[in-house]
Protein backbone atom coordinates (compact mmCIF):
# COMPACT_ATOMS: atom_id res chain seq x y z
CA MET A 1 61.65 22.88 -24.68
CA ASN A 2 64.36 25.92 -25.23
CA TYR A 3 64.56 27.96 -28.36
CA SER A 4 67.18 30.08 -29.51
CA PRO A 5 66.20 33.84 -29.44
CA ALA A 6 66.15 33.83 -33.18
CA LYS A 7 63.70 30.92 -33.10
CA ARG A 8 61.54 32.53 -30.31
CA ALA A 9 61.34 35.92 -32.27
CA LEU A 10 60.06 33.88 -35.64
CA LEU A 11 57.52 32.24 -33.52
CA ALA A 12 56.13 35.49 -31.97
CA MET A 13 56.16 36.87 -35.34
CA ALA A 14 54.08 34.02 -36.79
CA ALA A 15 51.73 34.23 -33.93
CA MET A 16 51.31 37.85 -34.44
CA ALA A 17 50.57 37.34 -38.21
CA ALA A 18 47.73 34.54 -37.35
CA VAL A 19 46.01 36.91 -34.89
CA LEU A 20 46.07 39.79 -37.65
CA ALA A 21 44.57 37.31 -40.24
CA ILE A 22 41.74 35.98 -37.88
CA ALA A 23 40.74 39.64 -37.14
CA ALA A 24 40.73 40.56 -40.86
CA CYS A 25 38.45 37.49 -41.57
CA GLY A 26 36.11 38.37 -38.76
CA SER A 27 35.73 42.15 -39.73
CA GLY A 28 34.16 40.91 -43.17
CA ASP A 29 31.45 39.06 -41.66
CA GLU A 30 29.31 41.87 -41.24
CA PRO A 31 28.83 44.26 -44.43
CA SER A 32 28.16 47.80 -43.64
CA THR A 33 24.44 48.88 -44.20
CA PRO A 34 23.98 51.78 -46.56
CA GLU A 35 22.04 54.56 -45.58
CA SER A 36 18.37 55.03 -46.76
CA SER A 37 18.10 57.54 -49.83
CA SER A 38 14.40 58.38 -48.93
CA GLY A 39 13.48 61.51 -47.45
CA PRO A 40 11.70 64.77 -48.34
CA VAL A 41 12.36 66.12 -51.88
CA ALA A 42 12.34 69.84 -53.52
CA LEU A 43 9.10 69.99 -55.32
CA GLU A 44 8.04 72.14 -58.29
CA VAL A 45 4.63 72.75 -56.52
CA PRO A 46 3.87 74.02 -52.83
CA ASP A 47 4.48 71.43 -50.08
CA ILE A 48 1.37 70.78 -48.15
CA GLU A 49 0.87 68.81 -44.80
CA ILE A 50 -1.74 66.15 -45.41
CA SER A 51 -4.21 64.68 -43.13
CA ALA A 52 -5.23 61.07 -43.66
CA TYR A 53 -8.61 59.62 -44.29
CA GLN A 54 -7.01 56.27 -45.12
CA GLY A 55 -3.89 54.64 -46.43
CA GLN A 56 -1.71 55.70 -43.30
CA ASP A 57 0.56 52.85 -43.98
CA VAL A 58 1.38 54.01 -47.45
CA LEU A 59 1.47 57.90 -46.37
CA GLY A 60 3.81 57.03 -43.24
CA GLY A 61 1.11 57.90 -40.63
CA ASP A 62 -1.83 60.14 -39.82
CA THR A 63 -0.13 63.23 -41.12
CA ALA A 64 2.57 63.49 -43.77
CA SER A 65 3.90 66.35 -46.16
CA LEU A 66 3.54 65.89 -49.89
CA SER A 67 7.34 66.27 -50.09
CA GLU A 68 8.01 63.09 -47.70
CA ILE A 69 5.36 60.96 -49.76
CA VAL A 70 7.15 61.97 -53.15
CA GLY A 71 10.46 61.24 -51.25
CA GLN A 72 9.46 57.62 -50.66
CA GLY A 73 10.79 57.00 -54.29
CA LYS A 74 7.80 56.28 -56.36
CA PRO A 75 5.93 58.85 -58.66
CA VAL A 76 3.01 60.25 -57.33
CA VAL A 77 -0.50 61.06 -58.83
CA LEU A 78 -1.98 63.68 -56.85
CA ASN A 79 -5.69 64.26 -57.39
CA PHE A 80 -7.67 67.25 -56.06
CA TRP A 81 -11.27 66.46 -55.51
CA ALA A 82 -14.29 67.20 -53.34
CA ALA A 83 -17.42 65.34 -52.13
CA LEU A 84 -19.87 67.41 -53.85
CA CYS A 85 -18.49 67.52 -56.90
CA PRO A 86 -20.01 65.20 -59.60
CA PRO A 87 -16.97 64.68 -61.94
CA CYS A 88 -14.98 63.71 -58.76
CA ARG A 89 -17.67 61.26 -57.67
CA ALA A 90 -17.50 60.02 -61.37
CA GLU A 91 -13.66 59.74 -61.43
CA ILE A 92 -13.01 58.05 -58.00
CA PRO A 93 -13.68 54.33 -59.04
CA GLU A 94 -11.38 54.93 -62.10
CA PHE A 95 -8.68 55.77 -59.78
CA GLU A 96 -9.51 52.81 -57.62
CA SER A 97 -9.03 50.34 -60.72
CA VAL A 98 -5.66 52.15 -61.56
CA TYR A 99 -4.50 51.88 -57.89
CA HIS A 100 -5.17 48.20 -57.61
CA GLU A 101 -3.48 47.54 -61.07
CA ARG A 102 -0.47 49.65 -60.44
CA SER A 103 0.31 50.60 -56.85
CA ASP A 104 3.71 49.12 -57.07
CA GLU A 105 4.74 51.60 -59.58
CA VAL A 106 2.92 54.85 -58.36
CA THR A 107 1.56 56.19 -55.33
CA ILE A 108 -2.31 57.17 -56.19
CA LEU A 109 -3.08 60.07 -53.77
CA GLY A 110 -6.48 61.94 -53.33
CA ILE A 111 -6.62 65.20 -51.57
CA ASP A 112 -10.08 66.34 -50.51
CA ILE A 113 -10.07 70.48 -50.84
CA GLY A 114 -13.91 70.54 -50.66
CA PRO A 115 -13.94 72.34 -47.44
CA GLN A 116 -11.93 75.16 -48.76
CA GLN A 117 -13.93 74.99 -52.07
CA LEU A 118 -17.51 75.02 -50.18
CA LEU A 119 -18.07 71.68 -51.92
CA GLY A 120 -18.41 69.52 -49.20
CA THR A 121 -17.44 68.82 -45.48
CA ARG A 122 -14.25 66.41 -44.50
CA GLU A 123 -17.05 63.99 -43.07
CA GLU A 124 -18.89 64.02 -46.45
CA GLY A 125 -15.45 63.43 -48.29
CA GLN A 126 -15.00 60.29 -46.06
CA ALA A 127 -18.40 59.04 -46.22
CA LEU A 128 -18.03 59.36 -50.16
CA LEU A 129 -14.95 57.34 -50.27
CA ALA A 130 -16.57 54.73 -48.24
CA GLU A 131 -19.78 54.66 -50.54
CA LEU A 132 -17.61 53.92 -53.66
CA GLY A 133 -15.50 51.29 -51.87
CA ALA A 134 -12.26 53.61 -52.76
CA THR A 135 -9.31 52.10 -50.86
CA TYR A 136 -6.38 54.08 -52.15
CA PRO A 137 -4.53 56.72 -50.03
CA ALA A 138 -6.81 59.78 -49.40
CA GLY A 139 -6.82 62.74 -47.05
CA THR A 140 -7.43 66.35 -46.74
CA THR A 141 -5.44 69.59 -45.94
CA PHE A 142 -5.96 72.51 -43.68
CA ASP A 143 -4.25 74.80 -45.86
CA GLU A 144 -6.72 77.41 -46.89
CA ALA A 145 -4.36 78.45 -49.90
CA VAL A 146 -3.91 75.22 -51.48
CA ALA A 147 -6.35 75.72 -54.67
CA ARG A 148 -4.41 79.09 -55.19
CA GLY A 149 -0.87 77.48 -54.67
CA PHE A 150 -1.55 74.56 -57.06
CA GLU A 151 -3.77 76.94 -59.34
CA VAL A 152 -6.81 74.60 -59.27
CA PHE A 153 -9.18 76.30 -61.22
CA SER A 154 -11.54 73.45 -62.06
CA MET A 155 -12.54 70.18 -60.12
CA PRO A 156 -10.97 67.54 -60.37
CA THR A 157 -7.55 68.27 -61.06
CA THR A 158 -4.54 65.99 -61.11
CA PHE A 159 -0.99 66.63 -60.81
CA PHE A 160 1.66 63.79 -62.33
CA ILE A 161 4.95 64.07 -60.16
CA ALA A 162 8.07 62.49 -60.62
CA ALA A 163 10.05 60.75 -58.02
CA ASP A 164 12.56 63.98 -58.19
CA GLY A 165 9.71 66.38 -57.42
CA SER A 166 9.41 67.52 -61.06
CA VAL A 167 5.82 67.80 -62.36
CA LEU A 168 5.35 66.01 -65.57
CA ARG A 169 1.82 66.97 -66.37
CA LYS A 170 -1.31 69.02 -64.98
CA TRP A 171 -4.55 67.59 -66.16
CA SER A 172 -7.83 69.69 -65.36
CA GLY A 173 -10.89 67.61 -65.62
CA ILE A 174 -12.32 64.29 -65.36
CA LEU A 175 -9.90 61.17 -66.17
CA ASP A 176 -11.09 57.70 -67.07
CA GLU A 177 -9.11 54.55 -66.27
CA ALA A 178 -7.72 54.38 -69.95
CA LYS A 179 -6.57 57.92 -70.06
CA LEU A 180 -5.18 57.60 -66.51
CA ASN A 181 -3.23 54.70 -67.41
CA GLU A 182 -1.79 56.41 -70.43
CA LEU A 183 -0.59 59.20 -68.27
CA VAL A 184 0.77 56.71 -65.64
CA ASP A 185 2.69 55.08 -68.61
CA GLU A 186 4.37 58.44 -69.26
CA LEU A 187 4.99 59.20 -65.32
CA VAL A 188 6.64 55.75 -64.86
CA GLY A 189 8.57 56.18 -68.17
CA GLY A 190 9.79 59.67 -67.19
CA THR A 191 8.46 61.03 -70.56
CA THR A 192 8.07 64.85 -70.57
CA VAL A 193 4.86 65.91 -72.41
CA SER A 194 5.64 69.20 -74.04
CA GLY A 195 2.94 71.72 -74.68
CA MET A 196 0.23 70.09 -72.49
CA THR A 197 -1.15 72.43 -70.06
CA SER A 198 -4.21 72.14 -67.71
CA GLU A 199 -6.29 74.36 -70.61
CA ASP A 200 -4.80 71.70 -73.18
CA ALA A 201 -6.41 69.05 -70.96
CA SER A 202 -9.63 70.46 -70.73
CA ALA A 203 -9.76 71.45 -74.40
CA SER A 204 -8.93 67.76 -75.15
CA GLY A 205 -12.70 66.78 -74.54
CA GLN A 206 -11.96 64.09 -71.95
CA ALA A 207 -14.30 66.01 -69.57
CA ASP A 208 -16.80 67.64 -72.12
CA ALA A 209 -17.32 63.80 -73.91
CA ALA A 210 -18.82 62.69 -70.31
CA GLY A 211 -20.84 65.95 -70.16
CA LEU A 212 -18.91 67.33 -67.17
CA GLY A 213 -16.86 70.32 -68.24
CA GLY A 214 -13.75 70.81 -66.60
CA ASP A 215 -14.42 74.39 -65.90
CA GLU A 216 -17.77 73.58 -64.08
CA PHE A 217 -16.29 74.17 -60.66
CA ALA A 218 -13.76 76.56 -61.37
């Protein structure tokens, strides 16, 4: 069939328009994947490398930096403890209970600094966790300056770190499940508690009420 030049031009234009329309529809079938926002964050406390005892699936491997763990997007409850610290032993089951209840909201992380404080070996730290049935992420650090860097003057000491790396509160002394839940509520809610220092926490009587003064292992 013979078409006039004008007719052939119109048909060519229509065919080109159809091809472009099909191409446009095809390009919309695969939406772009946004880049992950996770990654290390700037911390108000020193960044330390942690060697995991347990919880590698949460921490991201056998070793991880604190900034990487906070950068996963959840607030972090960072607890410094030691195997030969009686208040730490009493506190670990309390942390385990909160971990089972609220691990979807916060990352519970225990750091054994007994070797730096002459309060137990790393082997004794691992044995204590196993004895008490603790399963929350825990490990140690080989940073000899960790106690000085975090100003850990008594054992245990706990930091409540927001997902942006800021420290909401530092608590010196033992925490029971009820008080720990209260502080996690504040952390998850992003509430800054003014005027509460580690000294205030010790003076609050939480450790003394249990007969385990927060300055016992300073």
